[in-house]
Amino acid sequence: MQKNSIDAYVEFSFKGEYYRYASCLDLHQLLLRHDEMPPIHVLLAQEHRVDTYSYLFEVMEEEPVEFSRPQGIANDYVRDGKFSLYALADNWHNAKAEILLQPVAERELNITDLNQQPALKRALLAAYQLGRGVGCGK
């Protein structure tokens, strides 16, 4: 199965010290575990044992999260060479559906990349949305 990930990092200074917190975000797991896009600053803080009620975290939150090395579904949200976290957040439920549907397409139809079959991908996504009571007349 294709890896769905992106590296995220934030750099900042606090009390004269330089900090760089980085993590490889497994988008597959994030999509499965969360109904909405989780705050990336919080994910980085948790991984690096930074209290989210600390001044260190407040300073960290002031700096933008940078992204690199998109793989899999993350590539769908790269615009002009930059990863768009906002585009992924706006499309969270569809991205989650794609993550869930790819193994089904592979297992049942022997299709390893749904992006190569756009009509089938749209049909499966529509069926998924219908099953959730989201689309087509509901």
N, C-alpha and C. Protein backbone atom coordinates (compact mmCIF):
# COMPACT_ATOMS: atom_id res chain seq x y z
N MET A 1 0.85 -1.19 0.00
CA MET A 1 0.00 0.00 0.00
C MET A 1 0.89 1.25 0.00
N GLN A 2 0.44 2.26 -0.69
CA GLN A 2 1.16 3.51 -0.83
C GLN A 2 1.20 4.25 0.51
N LYS A 3 2.35 4.85 0.82
CA LYS A 3 2.48 5.62 2.06
C LYS A 3 1.84 6.99 1.87
N ASN A 4 1.06 7.42 2.84
CA ASN A 4 0.40 8.73 2.82
C ASN A 4 0.96 9.54 3.98
N SER A 5 1.97 10.35 3.69
CA SER A 5 2.62 11.08 4.78
C SER A 5 3.19 12.40 4.28
N ILE A 6 3.58 13.21 5.23
CA ILE A 6 4.29 14.45 4.94
C ILE A 6 5.08 14.82 6.19
N ASP A 7 6.28 15.37 5.98
CA ASP A 7 7.09 15.83 7.10
C ASP A 7 6.63 17.24 7.47
N ALA A 8 6.48 17.48 8.77
CA ALA A 8 6.08 18.80 9.27
C ALA A 8 7.10 19.25 10.30
N TYR A 9 7.40 20.55 10.30
CA TYR A 9 8.31 21.07 11.32
C TYR A 9 8.00 22.53 11.59
N VAL A 10 8.39 22.95 12.78
CA VAL A 10 8.26 24.35 13.17
C VAL A 10 9.58 24.75 13.83
N GLU A 11 10.05 25.95 13.51
CA GLU A 11 11.29 26.47 14.07
C GLU A 11 10.99 27.79 14.78
N PHE A 12 11.61 27.98 15.95
CA PHE A 12 11.39 29.21 16.70
C PHE A 12 12.44 29.34 17.80
N SER A 13 12.51 30.53 18.38
CA SER A 13 13.40 30.79 19.50
C SER A 13 12.57 31.14 20.72
N PHE A 14 13.04 30.67 21.87
CA PHE A 14 12.36 30.96 23.13
C PHE A 14 13.41 31.07 24.22
N LYS A 15 13.42 32.21 24.92
CA LYS A 15 14.38 32.48 25.99
C LYS A 15 15.82 32.24 25.53
N GLY A 16 16.11 32.71 24.32
CA GLY A 16 17.47 32.63 23.80
C GLY A 16 17.88 31.27 23.26
N GLU A 17 16.97 30.32 23.24
CA GLU A 17 17.28 28.99 22.71
C GLU A 17 16.51 28.76 21.42
N TYR A 18 17.17 28.06 20.49
CA TYR A 18 16.56 27.72 19.20
C TYR A 18 15.90 26.35 19.32
N TYR A 19 14.67 26.25 18.79
CA TYR A 19 13.93 24.99 18.80
C TYR A 19 13.52 24.63 17.37
N ARG A 20 13.59 23.35 17.07
CA ARG A 20 13.06 22.83 15.80
C ARG A 20 12.39 21.50 16.13
N TYR A 21 11.07 21.53 16.08
CA TYR A 21 10.31 20.31 16.32
C TYR A 21 9.81 19.78 14.99
N ALA A 22 10.12 18.53 14.71
CA ALA A 22 9.76 17.93 13.43
C ALA A 22 9.11 16.58 13.65
N SER A 23 8.28 16.20 12.68
CA SER A 23 7.61 14.91 12.74
C SER A 23 7.19 14.50 11.34
N CYS A 24 7.18 13.21 11.10
CA CYS A 24 6.60 12.67 9.87
C CYS A 24 5.14 12.36 10.20
N LEU A 25 4.22 13.10 9.59
CA LEU A 25 2.80 12.91 9.85
C LEU A 25 2.26 11.79 8.98
N ASP A 26 1.73 10.77 9.61
CA ASP A 26 1.11 9.66 8.90
C ASP A 26 -0.34 10.05 8.63
N LEU A 27 -0.60 10.56 7.44
CA LEU A 27 -1.94 11.05 7.11
C LEU A 27 -2.97 9.93 7.15
N HIS A 28 -2.55 8.73 6.83
CA HIS A 28 -3.47 7.59 6.89
C HIS A 28 -4.03 7.45 8.30
N GLN A 29 -3.15 7.45 9.29
CA GLN A 29 -3.59 7.30 10.68
C GLN A 29 -4.37 8.53 11.17
N LEU A 30 -3.93 9.72 10.78
CA LEU A 30 -4.66 10.93 11.19
C LEU A 30 -6.08 10.93 10.64
N LEU A 31 -6.22 10.54 9.38
CA LEU A 31 -7.55 10.51 8.77
C LEU A 31 -8.44 9.47 9.44
N LEU A 32 -7.88 8.34 9.81
CA LEU A 32 -8.67 7.29 10.45
C LEU A 32 -9.08 7.66 11.87
N ARG A 33 -8.22 8.39 12.57
CA ARG A 33 -8.45 8.68 14.00
C ARG A 33 -9.25 9.95 14.27
N HIS A 34 -9.29 10.86 13.31
CA HIS A 34 -9.90 12.17 13.57
C HIS A 34 -11.00 12.47 12.56
N ASP A 35 -12.09 13.06 13.04
CA ASP A 35 -13.17 13.48 12.15
C ASP A 35 -12.89 14.83 11.52
N GLU A 36 -12.00 15.59 12.10
CA GLU A 36 -11.59 16.89 11.57
C GLU A 36 -10.06 16.95 11.59
N MET A 37 -9.51 17.88 10.83
CA MET A 37 -8.06 18.05 10.79
C MET A 37 -7.57 18.48 12.17
N PRO A 38 -6.68 17.68 12.80
CA PRO A 38 -6.16 18.08 14.11
C PRO A 38 -5.15 19.21 13.96
N PRO A 39 -5.02 20.07 14.97
CA PRO A 39 -4.05 21.17 14.91
C PRO A 39 -2.62 20.61 14.87
N ILE A 40 -1.87 20.98 13.85
CA ILE A 40 -0.52 20.44 13.66
C ILE A 40 0.41 20.89 14.78
N HIS A 41 0.28 22.14 15.23
CA HIS A 41 1.11 22.60 16.35
C HIS A 41 0.92 21.70 17.57
N VAL A 42 -0.31 21.31 17.83
CA VAL A 42 -0.59 20.44 18.99
C VAL A 42 0.03 19.07 18.78
N LEU A 43 -0.07 18.53 17.58
CA LEU A 43 0.55 17.22 17.30
C LEU A 43 2.06 17.27 17.51
N LEU A 44 2.69 18.34 17.01
CA LEU A 44 4.14 18.48 17.20
C LEU A 44 4.49 18.63 18.68
N ALA A 45 3.70 19.42 19.39
CA ALA A 45 3.95 19.62 20.82
C ALA A 45 3.82 18.30 21.58
N GLN A 46 2.79 17.55 21.30
CA GLN A 46 2.60 16.27 21.99
C GLN A 46 3.75 15.31 21.72
N GLU A 47 4.17 15.24 20.47
CA GLU A 47 5.26 14.32 20.13
C GLU A 47 6.57 14.71 20.82
N HIS A 48 6.76 16.01 21.05
CA HIS A 48 8.01 16.48 21.65
C HIS A 48 7.84 16.86 23.13
N ARG A 49 6.74 16.38 23.71
CA ARG A 49 6.47 16.56 25.14
C ARG A 49 6.49 18.03 25.59
N VAL A 50 5.83 18.85 24.79
CA VAL A 50 5.69 20.27 25.14
C VAL A 50 4.27 20.46 25.67
N ASP A 51 4.16 21.01 26.85
CA ASP A 51 2.86 21.28 27.46
C ASP A 51 2.12 22.33 26.63
N THR A 52 0.91 22.02 26.21
CA THR A 52 0.15 22.95 25.37
C THR A 52 -0.40 24.14 26.16
N TYR A 53 -0.16 24.17 27.47
CA TYR A 53 -0.54 25.31 28.30
C TYR A 53 0.70 26.07 28.77
N SER A 54 1.80 25.97 28.03
CA SER A 54 3.05 26.62 28.42
C SER A 54 3.35 27.82 27.52
N TYR A 55 4.24 28.71 28.02
CA TYR A 55 4.69 29.83 27.20
C TYR A 55 5.47 29.33 25.99
N LEU A 56 6.21 28.24 26.17
CA LEU A 56 6.95 27.66 25.06
C LEU A 56 6.00 27.31 23.91
N PHE A 57 4.88 26.70 24.25
CA PHE A 57 3.89 26.35 23.22
C PHE A 57 3.29 27.60 22.58
N GLU A 58 3.01 28.62 23.37
CA GLU A 58 2.44 29.86 22.82
C GLU A 58 3.37 30.48 21.79
N VAL A 59 4.66 30.48 22.09
CA VAL A 59 5.64 31.01 21.14
C VAL A 59 5.70 30.13 19.90
N MET A 60 5.68 28.83 20.11
CA MET A 60 5.70 27.88 19.00
C MET A 60 4.51 28.10 18.06
N GLU A 61 3.34 28.34 18.63
CA GLU A 61 2.12 28.55 17.84
C GLU A 61 2.19 29.78 16.93
N GLU A 62 3.04 30.73 17.30
CA GLU A 62 3.17 31.96 16.51
C GLU A 62 3.91 31.73 15.19
N GLU A 63 4.63 30.64 15.10
CA GLU A 63 5.41 30.36 13.89
C GLU A 63 4.67 29.39 12.98
N PRO A 64 4.79 29.57 11.68
CA PRO A 64 4.10 28.67 10.75
C PRO A 64 4.75 27.29 10.72
N VAL A 65 3.92 26.29 10.51
CA VAL A 65 4.43 24.93 10.31
C VAL A 65 4.85 24.83 8.85
N GLU A 66 6.04 24.30 8.62
CA GLU A 66 6.54 24.08 7.27
C GLU A 66 6.39 22.60 6.94
N PHE A 67 6.26 22.31 5.66
CA PHE A 67 6.05 20.93 5.22
C PHE A 67 7.03 20.56 4.12
N SER A 68 7.39 19.28 4.07
CA SER A 68 8.26 18.78 3.01
C SER A 68 8.01 17.29 2.80
N ARG A 69 8.51 16.79 1.71
CA ARG A 69 8.47 15.36 1.35
C ARG A 69 7.05 14.76 1.39
N PRO A 70 6.11 15.34 0.64
CA PRO A 70 4.77 14.75 0.59
C PRO A 70 4.79 13.41 -0.14
N GLN A 71 4.02 12.46 0.37
CA GLN A 71 3.89 11.15 -0.26
C GLN A 71 2.42 10.77 -0.30
N GLY A 72 2.03 10.08 -1.35
CA GLY A 72 0.66 9.58 -1.47
C GLY A 72 -0.34 10.71 -1.56
N ILE A 73 -1.37 10.62 -0.73
CA ILE A 73 -2.47 11.58 -0.77
C ILE A 73 -2.01 13.02 -0.50
N ALA A 74 -0.90 13.19 0.21
CA ALA A 74 -0.38 14.53 0.48
C ALA A 74 -0.06 15.27 -0.81
N ASN A 75 0.35 14.55 -1.85
CA ASN A 75 0.66 15.18 -3.14
C ASN A 75 -0.56 15.85 -3.76
N ASP A 76 -1.76 15.39 -3.42
CA ASP A 76 -2.98 15.99 -3.95
C ASP A 76 -3.19 17.42 -3.43
N TYR A 77 -2.46 17.79 -2.39
CA TYR A 77 -2.65 19.09 -1.75
C TYR A 77 -1.41 19.98 -1.88
N VAL A 78 -0.57 19.68 -2.85
CA VAL A 78 0.59 20.52 -3.14
C VAL A 78 0.19 21.48 -4.26
N ARG A 79 0.29 22.77 -3.97
CA ARG A 79 -0.04 23.82 -4.94
C ARG A 79 1.18 24.72 -5.10
N ASP A 80 1.62 24.90 -6.32
CA ASP A 80 2.78 25.74 -6.60
C ASP A 80 3.98 25.36 -5.73
N GLY A 81 4.18 24.08 -5.55
CA GLY A 81 5.32 23.59 -4.79
C GLY A 81 5.15 23.63 -3.28
N LYS A 82 4.02 24.09 -2.79
CA LYS A 82 3.77 24.20 -1.34
C LYS A 82 2.60 23.32 -0.95
N PHE A 83 2.72 22.66 0.19
CA PHE A 83 1.64 21.85 0.72
C PHE A 83 0.59 22.77 1.33
N SER A 84 -0.68 22.56 0.96
CA SER A 84 -1.77 23.38 1.49
C SER A 84 -2.52 22.61 2.57
N LEU A 85 -2.18 22.90 3.79
CA LEU A 85 -2.86 22.30 4.93
C LEU A 85 -4.34 22.67 4.92
N TYR A 86 -4.64 23.89 4.49
CA TYR A 86 -6.03 24.35 4.47
C TYR A 86 -6.86 23.57 3.46
N ALA A 87 -6.26 23.26 2.31
CA ALA A 87 -6.98 22.47 1.31
C ALA A 87 -7.29 21.08 1.85
N LEU A 88 -6.32 20.47 2.53
CA LEU A 88 -6.56 19.15 3.14
C LEU A 88 -7.65 19.25 4.20
N ALA A 89 -7.59 20.27 5.04
CA ALA A 89 -8.60 20.43 6.09
C ALA A 89 -9.99 20.61 5.48
N ASP A 90 -10.08 21.40 4.40
CA ASP A 90 -11.37 21.62 3.73
C ASP A 90 -11.92 20.35 3.11
N ASN A 91 -11.03 19.45 2.72
CA ASN A 91 -11.43 18.23 2.02
C ASN A 91 -11.25 16.99 2.90
N TRP A 92 -11.23 17.18 4.21
CA TRP A 92 -10.90 16.11 5.17
C TRP A 92 -11.75 14.86 4.96
N HIS A 93 -13.06 15.02 4.84
CA HIS A 93 -13.94 13.85 4.74
C HIS A 93 -13.74 13.09 3.44
N ASN A 94 -13.51 13.79 2.33
CA ASN A 94 -13.23 13.10 1.07
C ASN A 94 -11.88 12.39 1.13
N ALA A 95 -10.89 13.04 1.74
CA ALA A 95 -9.58 12.41 1.87
C ALA A 95 -9.68 11.16 2.73
N LYS A 96 -10.47 11.24 3.79
CA LYS A 96 -10.67 10.08 4.65
C LYS A 96 -11.33 8.95 3.86
N ALA A 97 -12.31 9.29 3.03
CA ALA A 97 -12.99 8.27 2.21
C ALA A 97 -12.01 7.62 1.25
N GLU A 98 -11.12 8.41 0.64
CA GLU A 98 -10.13 7.85 -0.28
C GLU A 98 -9.22 6.85 0.43
N ILE A 99 -8.81 7.20 1.65
CA ILE A 99 -7.95 6.30 2.43
C ILE A 99 -8.68 4.99 2.72
N LEU A 100 -9.95 5.08 3.02
CA LEU A 100 -10.72 3.87 3.34
C LEU A 100 -11.05 3.04 2.10
N LEU A 101 -11.25 3.71 0.96
CA LEU A 101 -11.67 3.01 -0.25
C LEU A 101 -10.52 2.34 -1.01
N GLN A 102 -9.31 2.87 -0.92
CA GLN A 102 -8.20 2.30 -1.69
C GLN A 102 -7.96 0.83 -1.36
N PRO A 103 -7.93 0.41 -0.09
CA PRO A 103 -7.75 -1.02 0.19
C PRO A 103 -8.89 -1.88 -0.35
N VAL A 104 -10.11 -1.34 -0.37
CA VAL A 104 -11.25 -2.09 -0.92
C VAL A 104 -11.06 -2.29 -2.42
N ALA A 105 -10.67 -1.23 -3.11
CA ALA A 105 -10.44 -1.33 -4.56
C ALA A 105 -9.31 -2.31 -4.86
N GLU A 106 -8.30 -2.30 -4.01
CA GLU A 106 -7.18 -3.22 -4.21
C GLU A 106 -7.60 -4.67 -3.96
N ARG A 107 -8.32 -4.88 -2.89
CA ARG A 107 -8.73 -6.24 -2.52
C ARG A 107 -9.79 -6.79 -3.48
N GLU A 108 -10.80 -6.01 -3.79
CA GLU A 108 -11.94 -6.50 -4.57
C GLU A 108 -11.75 -6.39 -6.08
N LEU A 109 -10.99 -5.38 -6.52
CA LEU A 109 -10.88 -5.12 -7.96
C LEU A 109 -9.44 -5.20 -8.48
N ASN A 110 -8.50 -5.47 -7.57
CA ASN A 110 -7.08 -5.55 -7.93
C ASN A 110 -6.58 -4.23 -8.54
N ILE A 111 -7.08 -3.10 -8.03
CA ILE A 111 -6.66 -1.77 -8.48
C ILE A 111 -5.78 -1.18 -7.39
N THR A 112 -4.50 -1.01 -7.69
CA THR A 112 -3.56 -0.53 -6.68
C THR A 112 -3.54 0.98 -6.53
N ASP A 113 -4.07 1.72 -7.52
CA ASP A 113 -4.10 3.17 -7.44
C ASP A 113 -5.40 3.69 -8.05
N LEU A 114 -6.33 4.07 -7.20
CA LEU A 114 -7.63 4.56 -7.68
C LEU A 114 -7.50 5.83 -8.52
N ASN A 115 -6.42 6.58 -8.33
CA ASN A 115 -6.23 7.80 -9.12
C ASN A 115 -6.07 7.50 -10.60
N GLN A 116 -5.69 6.27 -10.93
CA GLN A 116 -5.54 5.87 -12.33
C GLN A 116 -6.90 5.52 -12.96
N GLN A 117 -7.93 5.44 -12.13
CA GLN A 117 -9.29 5.12 -12.59
C GLN A 117 -10.25 6.20 -12.07
N PRO A 118 -10.18 7.42 -12.60
CA PRO A 118 -10.96 8.53 -12.02
C PRO A 118 -12.47 8.31 -12.00
N ALA A 119 -13.04 7.68 -13.02
CA ALA A 119 -14.49 7.45 -13.04
C ALA A 119 -14.88 6.47 -11.94
N LEU A 120 -14.11 5.42 -11.79
CA LEU A 120 -14.39 4.44 -10.73
C LEU A 120 -14.21 5.08 -9.36
N LYS A 121 -13.18 5.89 -9.22
CA LYS A 121 -12.94 6.58 -7.95
C LYS A 121 -14.13 7.46 -7.59
N ARG A 122 -14.63 8.23 -8.55
CA ARG A 122 -15.80 9.09 -8.30
C ARG A 122 -17.02 8.25 -7.90
N ALA A 123 -17.20 7.12 -8.58
CA ALA A 123 -18.35 6.25 -8.27
C ALA A 123 -18.23 5.67 -6.86
N LEU A 124 -17.05 5.22 -6.50
CA LEU A 124 -16.86 4.66 -5.15
C LEU A 124 -17.04 5.74 -4.08
N LEU A 125 -16.52 6.94 -4.34
CA LEU A 125 -16.69 8.04 -3.38
C LEU A 125 -18.16 8.41 -3.23
N ALA A 126 -18.89 8.43 -4.34
CA ALA A 126 -20.33 8.74 -4.28
C ALA A 126 -21.07 7.68 -3.49
N ALA A 127 -20.73 6.40 -3.72
CA ALA A 127 -21.37 5.32 -2.97
C ALA A 127 -21.05 5.42 -1.49
N TYR A 128 -19.81 5.76 -1.18
CA TYR A 128 -19.40 5.93 0.22
C TYR A 128 -20.21 7.06 0.87
N GLN A 129 -20.32 8.19 0.17
CA GLN A 129 -21.08 9.32 0.71
C GLN A 129 -22.55 8.96 0.90
N LEU A 130 -23.12 8.23 -0.05
CA LEU A 130 -24.51 7.78 0.10
C LEU A 130 -24.66 6.90 1.33
N GLY A 131 -23.71 6.02 1.54
CA GLY A 131 -23.75 5.14 2.70
C GLY A 131 -23.66 5.91 4.01
N ARG A 132 -22.99 7.05 3.97
CA ARG A 132 -22.89 7.90 5.16
C ARG A 132 -24.09 8.84 5.27
N GLY A 133 -24.97 8.83 4.24
CA GLY A 133 -26.13 9.72 4.26
C GLY A 133 -25.78 11.15 3.96
N VAL A 134 -24.71 11.37 3.17
CA VAL A 134 -24.22 12.71 2.92
C VAL A 134 -24.65 13.27 1.58
N GLY A 135 -24.67 12.47 0.54
CA GLY A 135 -24.85 13.04 -0.80
C GLY A 135 -26.11 12.59 -1.50
N CYS A 136 -26.27 13.10 -2.68
CA CYS A 136 -27.31 12.70 -3.64
C CYS A 136 -28.71 12.66 -3.04
N GLY A 137 -29.25 13.83 -2.75
CA GLY A 137 -30.64 13.90 -2.33
C GLY A 137 -30.86 13.82 -0.84
N LYS A 138 -29.82 13.72 -0.06
CA LYS A 138 -30.01 13.67 1.39
C LYS A 138 -29.59 14.97 2.01
